[in-house]
Amino acid sequence: MDRLREQIGSGEALGRFVDLFRSQTPAKLDELEKAVQDGELDERKRVAHFLKGSAASLGATRMTELCRELESAAPLRAPDLVAALGAAFDEAVGVLEREASRVGR
């Protein structure tokens, strides 16, 4: 979070990034879940890679790790990883929102 605040600056800017992350990520999680259900490996890798970058840019390390695993996981593990990713997203949003409020959103 310190590195992110250093790069972004004000709490208002951090708040905008958090808002984008919170509003855009659920659709990507839905895309990922569909790709896993349909057995579309290339689509699963593409969406997981996109989410990995978004999560890493905001310091959501658990999400980043799960996305990395999803990029290469066996199909049988993918549904569990997607479920864990949804929970990690909820947790990350909570932490990011608290941080944005703390620094003066």
PDB file of N, CA and C in Angstrom:
ATOM      1  N   MET A   1       0.821  -1.193   0.000  1.00  0.00           N
ATOM      2  CA  MET A   1       0.000   0.000   0.000  1.00  0.00           C
ATOM      3  C   MET A   1       0.863   1.253   0.000  1.00  0.00           C
ATOM      4  N   ASP A   2       1.989   1.199   0.711  1.00  0.00           N
ATOM      5  CA  ASP A   2       2.861   2.385   0.733  1.00  0.00           C
ATOM      6  C   ASP A   2       3.369   2.710  -0.665  1.00  0.00           C
ATOM      7  N   ARG A   3       3.788   1.676  -1.393  1.00  0.00           N
ATOM      8  CA  ARG A   3       4.280   1.891  -2.755  1.00  0.00           C
ATOM      9  C   ARG A   3       3.170   2.442  -3.641  1.00  0.00           C
ATOM     10  N   LEU A   4       1.975   1.930  -3.486  1.00  0.00           N
ATOM     11  CA  LEU A   4       0.847   2.392  -4.288  1.00  0.00           C
ATOM     12  C   LEU A   4       0.532   3.857  -3.986  1.00  0.00           C
ATOM     13  N   ARG A   5       0.478   4.204  -2.711  1.00  0.00           N
ATOM     14  CA  ARG A   5       0.228   5.605  -2.346  1.00  0.00           C
ATOM     15  C   ARG A   5       1.321   6.507  -2.898  1.00  0.00           C
ATOM     16  N   GLU A   6       2.546   6.031  -2.852  1.00  0.00           N
ATOM     17  CA  GLU A   6       3.670   6.816  -3.374  1.00  0.00           C
ATOM     18  C   GLU A   6       3.517   7.056  -4.874  1.00  0.00           C
ATOM     19  N   GLN A   7       3.073   6.062  -5.594  1.00  0.00           N
ATOM     20  CA  GLN A   7       2.915   6.179  -7.046  1.00  0.00           C
ATOM     21  C   GLN A   7       1.694   7.001  -7.431  1.00  0.00           C
ATOM     22  N   ILE A   8       0.594   6.817  -6.724  1.00  0.00           N
ATOM     23  CA  ILE A   8      -0.664   7.457  -7.096  1.00  0.00           C
ATOM     24  C   ILE A   8      -0.794   8.840  -6.481  1.00  0.00           C
ATOM     25  N   GLY A   9      -0.381   8.957  -5.240  1.00  0.00           N
ATOM     26  CA  GLY A   9      -0.484  10.253  -4.596  1.00  0.00           C
ATOM     27  C   GLY A   9      -1.675  10.334  -3.662  1.00  0.00           C
ATOM     28  N   SER A  10      -2.617  11.179  -3.965  1.00  0.00           N
ATOM     29  CA  SER A  10      -3.710  11.520  -3.053  1.00  0.00           C
ATOM     30  C   SER A  10      -4.680  10.373  -2.808  1.00  0.00           C
ATOM     31  N   GLY A  11      -5.413  10.506  -1.722  1.00  0.00           N
ATOM     32  CA  GLY A  11      -6.461   9.551  -1.416  1.00  0.00           C
ATOM     33  C   GLY A  11      -7.555   9.557  -2.462  1.00  0.00           C
ATOM     34  N   GLU A  12      -7.805  10.730  -3.061  1.00  0.00           N
ATOM     35  CA  GLU A  12      -8.831  10.826  -4.100  1.00  0.00           C
ATOM     36  C   GLU A  12      -8.456   9.969  -5.313  1.00  0.00           C
ATOM     37  N   ALA A  13      -7.197  10.030  -5.724  1.00  0.00           N
ATOM     38  CA  ALA A  13      -6.750   9.218  -6.860  1.00  0.00           C
ATOM     39  C   ALA A  13      -6.833   7.735  -6.528  1.00  0.00           C
ATOM     40  N   LEU A  14      -6.415   7.386  -5.324  1.00  0.00           N
ATOM     41  CA  LEU A  14      -6.521   5.990  -4.906  1.00  0.00           C
ATOM     42  C   LEU A  14      -7.975   5.555  -4.912  1.00  0.00           C
ATOM     43  N   GLY A  15      -8.855   6.422  -4.447  1.00  0.00           N
ATOM     44  CA  GLY A  15     -10.284   6.119  -4.446  1.00  0.00           C
ATOM     45  C   GLY A  15     -10.816   5.847  -5.838  1.00  0.00           C
ATOM     46  N   ARG A  16     -10.359   6.610  -6.817  1.00  0.00           N
ATOM     47  CA  ARG A  16     -10.807   6.375  -8.202  1.00  0.00           C
ATOM     48  C   ARG A  16     -10.341   5.016  -8.700  1.00  0.00           C
ATOM     49  N   PHE A  17      -9.085   4.637  -8.391  1.00  0.00           N
ATOM     50  CA  PHE A  17      -8.584   3.329  -8.795  1.00  0.00           C
ATOM     51  C   PHE A  17      -9.385   2.215  -8.119  1.00  0.00           C
ATOM     52  N   VAL A  18      -9.676   2.386  -6.845  1.00  0.00           N
ATOM     53  CA  VAL A  18     -10.452   1.386  -6.115  1.00  0.00           C
ATOM     54  C   VAL A  18     -11.852   1.269  -6.715  1.00  0.00           C
ATOM     55  N   ASP A  19     -12.474   2.402  -7.034  1.00  0.00           N
ATOM     56  CA  ASP A  19     -13.809   2.374  -7.646  1.00  0.00           C
ATOM     57  C   ASP A  19     -13.797   1.613  -8.970  1.00  0.00           C
ATOM     58  N   LEU A  20     -12.799   1.875  -9.798  1.00  0.00           N
ATOM     59  CA  LEU A  20     -12.690   1.151 -11.076  1.00  0.00           C
ATOM     60  C   LEU A  20     -12.506  -0.345 -10.848  1.00  0.00           C
ATOM     61  N   PHE A  21     -11.617  -0.675  -9.938  1.00  0.00           N
ATOM     62  CA  PHE A  21     -11.345  -2.078  -9.629  1.00  0.00           C
ATOM     63  C   PHE A  21     -12.615  -2.763  -9.136  1.00  0.00           C
ATOM     64  N   ARG A  22     -13.321  -2.103  -8.212  1.00  0.00           N
ATOM     65  CA  ARG A  22     -14.548  -2.669  -7.639  1.00  0.00           C
ATOM     66  C   ARG A  22     -15.650  -2.810  -8.689  1.00  0.00           C
ATOM     67  N   SER A  23     -15.744  -1.861  -9.613  1.00  0.00           N
ATOM     68  CA  SER A  23     -16.843  -1.903 -10.579  1.00  0.00           C
ATOM     69  C   SER A  23     -16.559  -2.799 -11.787  1.00  0.00           C
ATOM     70  N   GLN A  24     -15.304  -2.928 -12.186  1.00  0.00           N
ATOM     71  CA  GLN A  24     -14.986  -3.680 -13.401  1.00  0.00           C
ATOM     72  C   GLN A  24     -14.613  -5.140 -13.151  1.00  0.00           C
ATOM     73  N   THR A  25     -14.109  -5.436 -11.985  1.00  0.00           N
ATOM     74  CA  THR A  25     -13.626  -6.792 -11.726  1.00  0.00           C
ATOM     75  C   THR A  25     -14.732  -7.848 -11.694  1.00  0.00           C
ATOM     76  N   PRO A  26     -15.917  -7.576 -11.140  1.00  0.00           N
ATOM     77  CA  PRO A  26     -16.935  -8.638 -11.130  1.00  0.00           C
ATOM     78  C   PRO A  26     -17.265  -9.193 -12.521  1.00  0.00           C
ATOM     79  N   ALA A  27     -17.315  -8.350 -13.534  1.00  0.00           N
ATOM     80  CA  ALA A  27     -17.586  -8.846 -14.890  1.00  0.00           C
ATOM     81  C   ALA A  27     -16.455  -9.758 -15.369  1.00  0.00           C
ATOM     82  N   LYS A  28     -15.236  -9.401 -15.033  1.00  0.00           N
ATOM     83  CA  LYS A  28     -14.095 -10.249 -15.411  1.00  0.00           C
ATOM     84  C   LYS A  28     -14.131 -11.575 -14.649  1.00  0.00           C
ATOM     85  N   LEU A  29     -14.532 -11.528 -13.387  1.00  0.00           N
ATOM     86  CA  LEU A  29     -14.664 -12.772 -12.626  1.00  0.00           C
ATOM     87  C   LEU A  29     -15.742 -13.661 -13.243  1.00  0.00           C
ATOM     88  N   ASP A  30     -16.825 -13.062 -13.716  1.00  0.00           N
ATOM     89  CA  ASP A  30     -17.873 -13.828 -14.407  1.00  0.00           C
ATOM     90  C   ASP A  30     -17.330 -14.449 -15.687  1.00  0.00           C
ATOM     91  N   GLU A  31     -16.562 -13.671 -16.452  1.00  0.00           N
ATOM     92  CA  GLU A  31     -15.945 -14.201 -17.682  1.00  0.00           C
ATOM     93  C   GLU A  31     -15.044 -15.388 -17.351  1.00  0.00           C
ATOM     94  N   LEU A  32     -14.280 -15.245 -16.290  1.00  0.00           N
ATOM     95  CA  LEU A  32     -13.363 -16.310 -15.891  1.00  0.00           C
ATOM     96  C   LEU A  32     -14.129 -17.565 -15.489  1.00  0.00           C
ATOM     97  N   GLU A  33     -15.173 -17.386 -14.710  1.00  0.00           N
ATOM     98  CA  GLU A  33     -15.982 -18.532 -14.290  1.00  0.00           C
ATOM     99  C   GLU A  33     -16.596 -19.240 -15.494  1.00  0.00           C
ATOM    100  N   LYS A  34     -17.093 -18.477 -16.451  1.00  0.00           N
ATOM    101  CA  LYS A  34     -17.674 -19.068 -17.659  1.00  0.00           C
ATOM    102  C   LYS A  34     -16.618 -19.840 -18.451  1.00  0.00           C
ATOM    103  N   ALA A  35     -15.436 -19.249 -18.587  1.00  0.00           N
ATOM    104  CA  ALA A  35     -14.361 -19.927 -19.315  1.00  0.00           C
ATOM    105  C   ALA A  35     -13.998 -21.247 -18.641  1.00  0.00           C
ATOM    106  N   VAL A  36     -13.974 -21.257 -17.324  1.00  0.00           N
ATOM    107  CA  VAL A  36     -13.663 -22.485 -16.588  1.00  0.00           C
ATOM    108  C   VAL A  36     -14.780 -23.503 -16.793  1.00  0.00           C
ATOM    109  N   GLN A  37     -16.035 -23.075 -16.667  1.00  0.00           N
ATOM    110  CA  GLN A  37     -17.164 -23.993 -16.845  1.00  0.00           C
ATOM    111  C   GLN A  37     -17.200 -24.577 -18.247  1.00  0.00           C
ATOM    112  N   ASP A  38     -16.864 -23.749 -19.247  1.00  0.00           N
ATOM    113  CA  ASP A  38     -16.908 -24.195 -20.641  1.00  0.00           C
ATOM    114  C   ASP A  38     -15.633 -24.908 -21.080  1.00  0.00           C
ATOM    115  N   GLY A  39     -14.644 -24.984 -20.191  1.00  0.00           N
ATOM    116  CA  GLY A  39     -13.392 -25.648 -20.535  1.00  0.00           C
ATOM    117  C   GLY A  39     -12.560 -24.885 -21.552  1.00  0.00           C
ATOM    118  N   GLU A  40     -12.720 -23.583 -21.609  1.00  0.00           N
ATOM    119  CA  GLU A  40     -11.985 -22.747 -22.567  1.00  0.00           C
ATOM    120  C   GLU A  40     -10.659 -22.301 -21.944  1.00  0.00           C
ATOM    121  N   LEU A  41      -9.630 -23.099 -22.136  1.00  0.00           N
ATOM    122  CA  LEU A  41      -8.343 -22.875 -21.508  1.00  0.00           C
ATOM    123  C   LEU A  41      -7.708 -21.548 -21.929  1.00  0.00           C
ATOM    124  N   ASP A  42      -7.733 -21.238 -23.211  1.00  0.00           N
ATOM    125  CA  ASP A  42      -7.118 -19.991 -23.678  1.00  0.00           C
ATOM    126  C   ASP A  42      -7.827 -18.767 -23.088  1.00  0.00           C
ATOM    127  N   GLU A  43      -9.146 -18.811 -23.033  1.00  0.00           N
ATOM    128  CA  GLU A  43      -9.909 -17.698 -22.460  1.00  0.00           C
ATOM    129  C   GLU A  43      -9.636 -17.601 -20.959  1.00  0.00           C
ATOM    130  N   ARG A  44      -9.574 -18.737 -20.296  1.00  0.00           N
ATOM    131  CA  ARG A  44      -9.266 -18.737 -18.863  1.00  0.00           C
ATOM    132  C   ARG A  44      -7.914 -18.078 -18.617  1.00  0.00           C
ATOM    133  N   LYS A  45      -6.925 -18.428 -19.403  1.00  0.00           N
ATOM    134  CA  LYS A  45      -5.587 -17.844 -19.244  1.00  0.00           C
ATOM    135  C   LYS A  45      -5.599 -16.348 -19.530  1.00  0.00           C
ATOM    136  N   ARG A  46      -6.337 -15.936 -20.552  1.00  0.00           N
ATOM    137  CA  ARG A  46      -6.388 -14.524 -20.929  1.00  0.00           C
ATOM    138  C   ARG A  46      -7.004 -13.683 -19.821  1.00  0.00           C
ATOM    139  N   VAL A  47      -8.143 -14.127 -19.306  1.00  0.00           N
ATOM    140  CA  VAL A  47      -8.837 -13.364 -18.267  1.00  0.00           C
ATOM    141  C   VAL A  47      -8.040 -13.399 -16.964  1.00  0.00           C
ATOM    142  N   ALA A  48      -7.477 -14.542 -16.621  1.00  0.00           N
ATOM    143  CA  ALA A  48      -6.670 -14.634 -15.404  1.00  0.00           C
ATOM    144  C   ALA A  48      -5.465 -13.701 -15.491  1.00  0.00           C
ATOM    145  N   HIS A  49      -4.873 -13.616 -16.659  1.00  0.00           N
ATOM    146  CA  HIS A  49      -3.720 -12.727 -16.850  1.00  0.00           C
ATOM    147  C   HIS A  49      -4.136 -11.263 -16.683  1.00  0.00           C
ATOM    148  N   PHE A  50      -5.270 -10.896 -17.258  1.00  0.00           N
ATOM    149  CA  PHE A  50      -5.778  -9.536 -17.113  1.00  0.00           C
ATOM    150  C   PHE A  50      -6.019  -9.202 -15.639  1.00  0.00           C
ATOM    151  N   LEU A  51      -6.708 -10.103 -14.941  1.00  0.00           N
ATOM    152  CA  LEU A  51      -7.004  -9.882 -13.525  1.00  0.00           C
ATOM    153  C   LEU A  51      -5.733  -9.840 -12.682  1.00  0.00           C
ATOM    154  N   LYS A  52      -4.771 -10.653 -13.053  1.00  0.00           N
ATOM    155  CA  LYS A  52      -3.501 -10.663 -12.330  1.00  0.00           C
ATOM    156  C   LYS A  52      -2.842  -9.285 -12.386  1.00  0.00           C
ATOM    157  N   GLY A  53      -2.846  -8.671 -13.559  1.00  0.00           N
ATOM    158  CA  GLY A  53      -2.260  -7.339 -13.704  1.00  0.00           C
ATOM    159  C   GLY A  53      -3.005  -6.288 -12.905  1.00  0.00           C
ATOM    160  N   SER A  54      -4.328  -6.333 -12.942  1.00  0.00           N
ATOM    161  CA  SER A  54      -5.135  -5.378 -12.180  1.00  0.00           C
ATOM    162  C   SER A  54      -4.891  -5.527 -10.687  1.00  0.00           C
ATOM    163  N   ALA A  55      -4.900  -6.760 -10.229  1.00  0.00           N
ATOM    164  CA  ALA A  55      -4.706  -7.012  -8.804  1.00  0.00           C
ATOM    165  C   ALA A  55      -3.302  -6.599  -8.365  1.00  0.00           C
ATOM    166  N   ALA A  56      -2.317  -6.930  -9.168  1.00  0.00           N
ATOM    167  CA  ALA A  56      -0.933  -6.583  -8.808  1.00  0.00           C
ATOM    168  C   ALA A  56      -0.741  -5.080  -8.746  1.00  0.00           C
ATOM    169  N   SER A  57      -1.382  -4.353  -9.638  1.00  0.00           N
ATOM    170  CA  SER A  57      -1.206  -2.901  -9.656  1.00  0.00           C
ATOM    171  C   SER A  57      -1.769  -2.241  -8.409  1.00  0.00           C
ATOM    172  N   LEU A  58      -2.717  -2.900  -7.741  1.00  0.00           N
ATOM    173  CA  LEU A  58      -3.302  -2.349  -6.519  1.00  0.00           C
ATOM    174  C   LEU A  58      -2.788  -3.042  -5.258  1.00  0.00           C
ATOM    175  N   GLY A  59      -1.834  -3.923  -5.422  1.00  0.00           N
ATOM    176  CA  GLY A  59      -1.256  -4.593  -4.262  1.00  0.00           C
ATOM    177  C   GLY A  59      -2.095  -5.708  -3.691  1.00  0.00           C
ATOM    178  N   ALA A  60      -3.035  -6.229  -4.455  1.00  0.00           N
ATOM    179  CA  ALA A  60      -3.891  -7.338  -4.001  1.00  0.00           C
ATOM    180  C   ALA A  60      -3.138  -8.652  -4.245  1.00  0.00           C
ATOM    181  N   THR A  61      -2.209  -8.955  -3.341  1.00  0.00           N
ATOM    182  CA  THR A  61      -1.286 -10.065  -3.565  1.00  0.00           C
ATOM    183  C   THR A  61      -1.965 -11.428  -3.604  1.00  0.00           C
ATOM    184  N   ARG A  62      -2.969 -11.650  -2.769  1.00  0.00           N
ATOM    185  CA  ARG A  62      -3.655 -12.953  -2.788  1.00  0.00           C
ATOM    186  C   ARG A  62      -4.340 -13.175  -4.133  1.00  0.00           C
ATOM    187  N   MET A  63      -4.995 -12.139  -4.637  1.00  0.00           N
ATOM    188  CA  MET A  63      -5.623 -12.248  -5.956  1.00  0.00           C
ATOM    189  C   MET A  63      -4.572 -12.515  -7.024  1.00  0.00           C
ATOM    190  N   THR A  64      -3.454 -11.812  -6.942  1.00  0.00           N
ATOM    191  CA  THR A  64      -2.377 -11.987  -7.914  1.00  0.00           C
ATOM    192  C   THR A  64      -1.894 -13.430  -7.924  1.00  0.00           C
ATOM    193  N   GLU A  65      -1.689 -13.995  -6.740  1.00  0.00           N
ATOM    194  CA  GLU A  65      -1.230 -15.383  -6.631  1.00  0.00           C
ATOM    195  C   GLU A  65      -2.243 -16.359  -7.219  1.00  0.00           C
ATOM    196  N   LEU A  66      -3.518 -16.156  -6.900  1.00  0.00           N
ATOM    197  CA  LEU A  66      -4.558 -17.050  -7.417  1.00  0.00           C
ATOM    198  C   LEU A  66      -4.653 -16.971  -8.936  1.00  0.00           C
ATOM    199  N   CYS A  67      -4.545 -15.772  -9.485  1.00  0.00           N
ATOM    200  CA  CYS A  67      -4.588 -15.617 -10.940  1.00  0.00           C
ATOM    201  C   CYS A  67      -3.400 -16.311 -11.593  1.00  0.00           C
ATOM    202  N   ARG A  68      -2.244 -16.204 -10.969  1.00  0.00           N
ATOM    203  CA  ARG A  68      -1.049 -16.878 -11.488  1.00  0.00           C
ATOM    204  C   ARG A  68      -1.291 -18.382 -11.529  1.00  0.00           C
ATOM    205  N   GLU A  69      -1.895 -18.897 -10.465  1.00  0.00           N
ATOM    206  CA  GLU A  69      -2.209 -20.327 -10.435  1.00  0.00           C
ATOM    207  C   GLU A  69      -3.222 -20.692 -11.513  1.00  0.00           C
ATOM    208  N   LEU A  70      -4.225 -19.837 -11.708  1.00  0.00           N
ATOM    209  CA  LEU A  70      -5.255 -20.116 -12.718  1.00  0.00           C
ATOM    210  C   LEU A  70      -4.693 -20.148 -14.135  1.00  0.00           C
ATOM    211  N   GLU A  71      -3.652 -19.396 -14.366  1.00  0.00           N
ATOM    212  CA  GLU A  71      -3.054 -19.386 -15.698  1.00  0.00           C
ATOM    213  C   GLU A  71      -2.479 -20.750 -16.069  1.00  0.00           C
ATOM    214  N   SER A  72      -2.103 -21.540 -15.063  1.00  0.00           N
ATOM    215  CA  SER A  72      -1.459 -22.814 -15.373  1.00  0.00           C
ATOM    216  C   SER A  72      -2.094 -24.033 -14.695  1.00  0.00           C
ATOM    217  N   ALA A  73      -3.156 -23.834 -13.939  1.00  0.00           N
ATOM    218  CA  ALA A  73      -3.749 -24.931 -13.169  1.00  0.00           C
ATOM    219  C   ALA A  73      -4.418 -25.971 -14.052  1.00  0.00           C
ATOM    220  N   ALA A  74      -4.439 -27.181 -13.536  1.00  0.00           N
ATOM    221  CA  ALA A  74      -5.183 -28.252 -14.187  1.00  0.00           C
ATOM    222  C   ALA A  74      -6.674 -27.910 -14.124  1.00  0.00           C
ATOM    223  N   PRO A  75      -7.432 -28.320 -15.147  1.00  0.00           N
ATOM    224  CA  PRO A  75      -8.865 -27.999 -15.191  1.00  0.00           C
ATOM    225  C   PRO A  75      -9.642 -28.385 -13.941  1.00  0.00           C
ATOM    226  N   LEU A  76      -9.279 -29.467 -13.285  1.00  0.00           N
ATOM    227  CA  LEU A  76     -10.012 -29.892 -12.095  1.00  0.00           C
ATOM    228  C   LEU A  76      -9.826 -28.942 -10.918  1.00  0.00           C
ATOM    229  N   ARG A  77      -8.713 -28.230 -10.860  1.00  0.00           N
ATOM    230  CA  ARG A  77      -8.462 -27.276  -9.767  1.00  0.00           C
ATOM    231  C   ARG A  77      -9.072 -25.911 -10.039  1.00  0.00           C
ATOM    232  N   ALA A  78      -9.340 -25.606 -11.286  1.00  0.00           N
ATOM    233  CA  ALA A  78      -9.764 -24.260 -11.666  1.00  0.00           C
ATOM    234  C   ALA A  78     -11.037 -23.783 -10.946  1.00  0.00           C
ATOM    235  N   PRO A  79     -12.079 -24.583 -10.819  1.00  0.00           N
ATOM    236  CA  PRO A  79     -13.283 -24.075 -10.130  1.00  0.00           C
ATOM    237  C   PRO A  79     -13.012 -23.642  -8.690  1.00  0.00           C
ATOM    238  N   ASP A  80     -12.192 -24.398  -7.973  1.00  0.00           N
ATOM    239  CA  ASP A  80     -11.859 -24.019  -6.602  1.00  0.00           C
ATOM    240  C   ASP A  80     -11.051 -22.726  -6.570  1.00  0.00           C
ATOM    241  N   LEU A  81     -10.169 -22.562  -7.526  1.00  0.00           N
ATOM    242  CA  LEU A  81      -9.369 -21.339  -7.585  1.00  0.00           C
ATOM    243  C   LEU A  81     -10.232 -20.125  -7.912  1.00  0.00           C
ATOM    244  N   VAL A  82     -11.215 -20.306  -8.787  1.00  0.00           N
ATOM    245  CA  VAL A  82     -12.123 -19.207  -9.123  1.00  0.00           C
ATOM    246  C   VAL A  82     -12.929 -18.801  -7.889  1.00  0.00           C
ATOM    247  N   ALA A  83     -13.402 -19.779  -7.129  1.00  0.00           N
ATOM    248  CA  ALA A  83     -14.148 -19.468  -5.906  1.00  0.00           C
ATOM    249  C   ALA A  83     -13.264 -18.721  -4.910  1.00  0.00           C
ATOM    250  N   ALA A  84     -12.037 -19.168  -4.770  1.00  0.00           N
ATOM    251  CA  ALA A  84     -11.107 -18.491  -3.863  1.00  0.00           C
ATOM    252  C   ALA A  84     -10.794 -17.084  -4.364  1.00  0.00           C
ATOM    253  N   LEU A  85     -10.741 -16.913  -5.665  1.00  0.00           N
ATOM    254  CA  LEU A  85     -10.466 -15.600  -6.245  1.00  0.00           C
ATOM    255  C   LEU A  85     -11.595 -14.622  -5.938  1.00  0.00           C
ATOM    256  N   GLY A  86     -12.823 -15.088  -5.988  1.00  0.00           N
ATOM    257  CA  GLY A  86     -13.954 -14.223  -5.640  1.00  0.00           C
ATOM    258  C   GLY A  86     -13.870 -13.746  -4.210  1.00  0.00           C
ATOM    259  N   ALA A  87     -13.520 -14.642  -3.299  1.00  0.00           N
ATOM    260  CA  ALA A  87     -13.367 -14.264  -1.893  1.00  0.00           C
ATOM    261  C   ALA A  87     -12.194 -13.307  -1.711  1.00  0.00           C
ATOM    262  N   ALA A  88     -11.106 -13.550  -2.426  1.00  0.00           N
ATOM    263  CA  ALA A  88      -9.937 -12.667  -2.341  1.00  0.00           C
ATOM    264  C   ALA A  88     -10.260 -11.280  -2.883  1.00  0.00           C
ATOM    265  N   PHE A  89     -11.099 -11.212  -3.907  1.00  0.00           N
ATOM    266  CA  PHE A  89     -11.525  -9.922  -4.437  1.00  0.00           C
ATOM    267  C   PHE A  89     -12.306  -9.138  -3.382  1.00  0.00           C
ATOM    268  N   ASP A  90     -13.265  -9.781  -2.747  1.00  0.00           N
ATOM    269  CA  ASP A  90     -14.053  -9.117  -1.708  1.00  0.00           C
ATOM    270  C   ASP A  90     -13.148  -8.588  -0.596  1.00  0.00           C
ATOM    271  N   GLU A  91     -12.200  -9.397  -0.195  1.00  0.00           N
ATOM    272  CA  GLU A  91     -11.265  -8.989   0.851  1.00  0.00           C
ATOM    273  C   GLU A  91     -10.407  -7.810   0.391  1.00  0.00           C
ATOM    274  N   ALA A  92      -9.902  -7.884  -0.831  1.00  0.00           N
ATOM    275  CA  ALA A  92      -9.056  -6.808  -1.355  1.00  0.00           C
ATOM    276  C   ALA A  92      -9.814  -5.492  -1.442  1.00  0.00           C
ATOM    277  N   VAL A  93     -11.053  -5.536  -1.898  1.00  0.00           N
ATOM    278  CA  VAL A  93     -11.854  -4.314  -1.997  1.00  0.00           C
ATOM    279  C   VAL A  93     -12.043  -3.697  -0.619  1.00  0.00           C
ATOM    280  N   GLY A  94     -12.323  -4.511   0.380  1.00  0.00           N
ATOM    281  CA  GLY A  94     -12.479  -4.003   1.733  1.00  0.00           C
ATOM    282  C   GLY A  94     -11.221  -3.295   2.232  1.00  0.00           C
ATOM    283  N   VAL A  95     -10.089  -3.917   2.028  1.00  0.00           N
ATOM    284  CA  VAL A  95      -8.818  -3.330   2.458  1.00  0.00           C
ATOM    285  C   VAL A  95      -8.547  -2.041   1.692  1.00  0.00           C
ATOM    286  N   LEU A  96      -8.739  -2.071   0.385  1.00  0.00           N
ATOM    287  CA  LEU A  96      -8.473  -0.887  -0.439  1.00  0.00           C
ATOM    288  C   LEU A  96      -9.405   0.266  -0.091  1.00  0.00           C
ATOM    289  N   GLU A  97     -10.664  -0.036   0.159  1.00  0.00           N
ATOM    290  CA  GLU A  97     -11.606   1.033   0.531  1.00  0.00           C
ATOM    291  C   GLU A  97     -11.234   1.649   1.870  1.00  0.00           C
ATOM    292  N   ARG A  98     -10.848   0.815   2.817  1.00  0.00           N
ATOM    293  CA  ARG A  98     -10.422   1.353   4.123  1.00  0.00           C
ATOM    294  C   ARG A  98      -9.187   2.235   3.959  1.00  0.00           C
ATOM    295  N   GLU A  99      -8.256   1.789   3.142  1.00  0.00           N
ATOM    296  CA  GLU A  99      -7.035   2.563   2.919  1.00  0.00           C
ATOM    297  C   GLU A  99      -7.341   3.881   2.232  1.00  0.00           C
ATOM    298  N   ALA A 100      -8.199   3.860   1.233  1.00  0.00           N
ATOM    299  CA  ALA A 100      -8.568   5.096   0.533  1.00  0.00           C
ATOM    300  C   ALA A 100      -9.237   6.073   1.486  1.00  0.00           C
ATOM    301  N   SER A 101     -10.082   5.569   2.367  1.00  0.00           N
ATOM    302  CA  SER A 101     -10.742   6.434   3.353  1.00  0.00           C
ATOM    303  C   SER A 101      -9.739   6.985   4.355  1.00  0.00           C
ATOM    304  N   ARG A 102      -8.802   6.179   4.729  1.00  0.00           N
ATOM    305  CA  ARG A 102      -7.794   6.567   5.711  1.00  0.00           C
ATOM    306  C   ARG A 102      -6.910   7.705   5.203  1.00  0.00           C
ATOM    307  N   VAL A 103      -6.581   7.669   3.919  1.00  0.00           N
ATOM    308  CA  VAL A 103      -5.670   8.691   3.376  1.00  0.00           C
ATOM    309  C   VAL A 103      -6.428   9.895   2.837  1.00  0.00           C
ATOM    310  N   GLY A 104      -7.702   9.956   3.110  1.00  0.00           N
ATOM    311  CA  GLY A 104      -8.442  11.169   2.755  1.00  0.00           C
ATOM    312  C   GLY A 104      -9.100  11.175   1.410  1.00  0.00           C
ATOM    313  N   ARG A 105      -9.866  10.172   1.167  1.00  0.00           N
ATOM    314  CA  ARG A 105     -10.589  10.041  -0.105  1.00  0.00           C
ATOM    315  C   ARG A 105     -11.501  11.199  -0.367  1.00  0.00           C
TER     316      ARG A 105
END
